Amino acid sequence: MARTLRLAALLVLMASSLSFAAALYLSSSWNWAPVQLPIPGPGLSVVEAFDITTSGTFQFEASVPTASANMAMEDLPIVSSDLEASIQRNGATPRTYSIKRFRVGGRGSTDLYDAEPQVVLQSGSYTLRVQNKGASQPFGDRGALLTLTRFVHPTEFYLQGVLFRGLGHEREHPGGRTP
């Protein structure tokens, strides 16, 4: 009986250790936001290679210098754009996504804007190409960095934050938001 209890305790310890390690692995910055590049000016494009270690759902997020700290986040306007993002995996046919607008998603030392569509990617090596087909820069003179960031439903992000705080680990979103 005692041997069975020790074995059960060992199995529970191993399972919890693996779960904790997997949670830290998934939230590491290189796995959270595998590629970041500047939003190109009108008629220009930028290209960057990147790797996905853990498959999942990703979204495009723009980090923009804050225009006015006096303006409430909910008062920030939707930003129109005419960007085309293509993601190609190891010589396969590229998947092309049209980014027509950005909505404010967070605020800290920078304003964070999210764009649709969400993108599902498997583990592997990719190339991201972003082309500005518009006549202007979406965020004007402020410029912006476009990041392909892992999409986590807000409820999941909150629950993960509660779990990490309970374990004594303070976790911050790479964009500056905390759960």
Protein backbone atom coordinates (compact mmCIF):
# COMPACT_ATOMS: atom_id res chain seq x y z
CA MET A 1 0.00 0.00 0.00
CA ALA A 2 2.79 2.43 0.96
CA ARG A 3 4.62 1.62 -2.27
CA THR A 4 1.49 2.40 -4.31
CA LEU A 5 1.10 5.76 -2.55
CA ARG A 6 4.76 6.64 -3.20
CA LEU A 7 4.35 5.73 -6.87
CA ALA A 8 1.16 7.80 -7.13
CA ALA A 9 2.88 10.77 -5.45
CA LEU A 10 5.85 10.45 -7.80
CA LEU A 11 3.55 10.35 -10.84
CA VAL A 12 1.65 13.43 -9.65
CA LEU A 13 4.94 15.27 -9.04
CA MET A 14 6.22 14.36 -12.51
CA ALA A 15 2.96 15.39 -14.18
CA SER A 16 2.86 18.74 -12.37
CA SER A 17 6.54 19.41 -13.19
CA LEU A 18 5.95 18.68 -16.87
CA SER A 19 2.85 20.90 -16.90
CA PHE A 20 4.74 23.78 -15.31
CA ALA A 21 7.67 23.39 -17.74
CA ALA A 22 5.28 23.29 -20.71
CA ALA A 23 3.54 26.47 -19.51
CA LEU A 24 6.87 28.31 -19.20
CA TYR A 25 7.99 26.98 -22.59
CA LEU A 26 4.82 28.18 -24.32
CA SER A 27 5.06 31.63 -22.75
CA SER A 28 8.73 32.24 -23.62
CA SER A 29 9.21 35.37 -25.76
CA TRP A 30 10.65 33.53 -28.80
CA ASN A 31 7.64 31.21 -28.85
CA TRP A 32 5.11 33.93 -28.00
CA ALA A 33 6.09 36.38 -30.75
CA PRO A 34 8.31 34.63 -33.30
CA VAL A 35 8.67 37.54 -35.75
CA GLN A 36 8.63 41.34 -35.56
CA LEU A 37 9.28 43.82 -38.36
CA PRO A 38 8.54 47.46 -39.20
CA ILE A 39 5.36 48.25 -41.12
CA PRO A 40 6.68 49.37 -44.52
CA GLY A 41 5.98 52.71 -46.14
CA PRO A 42 3.72 53.09 -49.19
CA GLY A 43 4.71 50.81 -52.07
CA LEU A 44 7.39 49.06 -50.02
CA SER A 45 7.67 45.60 -48.51
CA VAL A 46 9.70 43.89 -45.79
CA VAL A 47 10.60 40.22 -45.42
CA GLU A 48 11.69 38.23 -42.37
CA ALA A 49 12.31 34.52 -41.76
CA PHE A 50 11.10 32.92 -38.52
CA ASP A 51 10.47 29.58 -36.83
CA ILE A 52 7.43 28.27 -35.01
CA THR A 53 8.31 25.73 -32.33
CA THR A 54 4.83 25.06 -30.99
CA SER A 55 1.90 25.19 -33.40
CA GLY A 56 -1.02 27.43 -32.57
CA THR A 57 -3.15 30.42 -33.50
CA PHE A 58 -1.42 33.75 -34.09
CA GLN A 59 -2.56 37.30 -34.80
CA PHE A 60 -0.97 40.43 -36.20
CA GLU A 61 -0.28 43.12 -33.60
CA ALA A 62 1.07 46.63 -34.20
CA SER A 63 3.10 48.42 -31.50
CA VAL A 64 2.85 52.18 -31.95
CA PRO A 65 4.36 55.02 -29.91
CA THR A 66 1.61 56.54 -27.77
CA ALA A 67 0.10 59.59 -29.47
CA SER A 68 -1.50 61.16 -26.41
CA ALA A 69 -1.46 59.85 -22.87
CA ASN A 70 -4.50 62.03 -22.14
CA MET A 71 -6.74 60.08 -24.53
CA ALA A 72 -8.61 57.09 -23.11
CA MET A 73 -7.87 53.74 -24.71
CA GLU A 74 -11.50 53.30 -25.82
CA ASP A 75 -11.31 56.68 -27.61
CA LEU A 76 -8.45 55.60 -29.86
CA PRO A 77 -9.75 55.21 -33.42
CA ILE A 78 -9.69 52.16 -35.67
CA VAL A 79 -6.73 52.55 -38.03
CA SER A 80 -7.28 51.76 -41.71
CA SER A 81 -4.53 50.10 -43.71
CA ASP A 82 -3.91 48.39 -47.02
CA LEU A 83 -1.33 45.81 -46.02
CA GLU A 84 -0.83 42.40 -47.54
CA ALA A 85 0.93 39.77 -45.44
CA SER A 86 2.05 36.51 -46.99
CA ILE A 87 3.38 33.60 -44.98
CA GLN A 88 5.31 30.89 -46.77
CA ARG A 89 6.54 27.63 -45.31
CA ASN A 90 9.60 25.89 -46.80
CA GLY A 91 8.95 26.55 -50.48
CA ALA A 92 5.19 25.83 -50.30
CA THR A 93 2.64 28.15 -51.85
CA PRO A 94 2.40 31.29 -49.71
CA ARG A 95 -0.81 32.04 -47.81
CA THR A 96 -1.82 35.66 -48.28
CA TYR A 97 -3.75 37.76 -45.76
CA SER A 98 -5.21 41.21 -46.25
CA ILE A 99 -4.90 43.54 -43.26
CA LYS A 100 -7.47 46.30 -43.71
CA ARG A 101 -7.74 47.70 -40.19
CA PHE A 102 -6.24 47.67 -36.73
CA ARG A 103 -8.26 47.94 -33.48
CA VAL A 104 -6.75 49.10 -30.22
CA GLY A 105 -5.99 46.09 -28.05
CA GLY A 106 -3.93 47.47 -25.18
CA ARG A 107 -1.99 50.37 -23.83
CA GLY A 108 1.22 50.75 -21.92
CA SER A 109 4.38 52.55 -22.96
CA THR A 110 3.07 51.97 -26.50
CA ASP A 111 -0.39 51.59 -28.00
CA LEU A 112 -1.08 48.03 -29.14
CA TYR A 113 -3.40 47.42 -32.08
CA ASP A 114 -4.69 44.00 -33.14
CA ALA A 115 -5.61 43.06 -36.71
CA GLU A 116 -7.55 40.24 -38.25
CA PRO A 117 -7.32 37.59 -39.53
CA GLN A 118 -6.02 35.08 -37.06
CA VAL A 119 -3.50 32.68 -38.53
CA VAL A 120 -3.05 29.01 -37.62
CA LEU A 121 0.54 27.81 -38.06
CA GLN A 122 2.16 24.45 -37.49
CA SER A 123 5.71 24.10 -36.20
CA GLY A 124 8.34 24.76 -38.86
CA SER A 125 10.32 27.45 -40.69
CA TYR A 126 8.48 30.30 -42.40
CA THR A 127 9.00 33.59 -44.22
CA LEU A 128 6.73 36.58 -43.57
CA ARG A 129 6.45 39.24 -46.27
CA VAL A 130 4.47 42.42 -45.56
CA GLN A 131 3.68 44.81 -48.39
CA ASN A 132 2.06 48.23 -48.01
CA LYS A 133 -0.27 48.60 -51.01
CA GLY A 134 -1.68 51.88 -49.70
CA ALA A 135 -0.78 55.48 -50.44
CA SER A 136 0.22 56.24 -46.85
CA GLN A 137 1.69 54.79 -43.69
CA PRO A 138 -1.17 53.36 -41.55
CA PHE A 139 0.06 55.00 -38.32
CA GLY A 140 1.45 58.14 -39.95
CA ASP A 141 4.74 59.62 -38.78
CA ARG A 142 4.69 57.57 -35.58
CA GLY A 143 5.52 54.37 -37.50
CA ALA A 144 4.82 50.93 -36.07
CA LEU A 145 6.27 47.48 -35.52
CA LEU A 146 4.20 44.55 -36.73
CA THR A 147 4.46 41.42 -34.61
CA LEU A 148 3.01 38.01 -35.32
CA THR A 149 1.99 37.12 -31.78
CA ARG A 150 0.40 34.03 -30.28
CA PHE A 151 -3.34 34.47 -29.80
CA VAL A 152 -4.59 33.46 -26.38
CA HIS A 153 -8.23 33.98 -25.50
CA PRO A 154 -8.46 36.65 -22.74
CA THR A 155 -10.02 34.16 -20.31
CA GLU A 156 -7.15 31.71 -20.86
CA PHE A 157 -4.61 34.52 -20.40
CA TYR A 158 -6.28 35.53 -17.11
CA LEU A 159 -6.39 31.95 -15.79
CA GLN A 160 -2.75 31.40 -16.74
CA GLY A 161 -1.84 34.60 -14.87
CA VAL A 162 -3.68 33.44 -11.76
CA LEU A 163 -1.89 30.09 -11.91
CA PHE A 164 1.54 31.68 -12.33
CA ARG A 165 0.94 34.17 -9.51
CA GLY A 166 -0.18 31.29 -7.29
CA LEU A 167 3.11 29.56 -8.04
CA GLY A 168 5.08 32.72 -7.27
CA HIS A 169 6.01 33.50 -10.88
CA GLU A 170 5.07 36.95 -12.20
CA ARG A 171 4.39 36.75 -15.93
CA GLU A 172 4.20 39.67 -18.31
CA HIS A 173 2.91 39.68 -21.88
CA PRO A 174 5.77 40.54 -24.27
CA GLY A 175 3.77 43.60 -25.39
CA GLY A 176 3.70 44.99 -21.86
CA ARG A 177 0.23 43.84 -20.78
CA THR A 178 -0.09 41.77 -17.64
CA PRO A 179 -2.87 39.25 -17.08
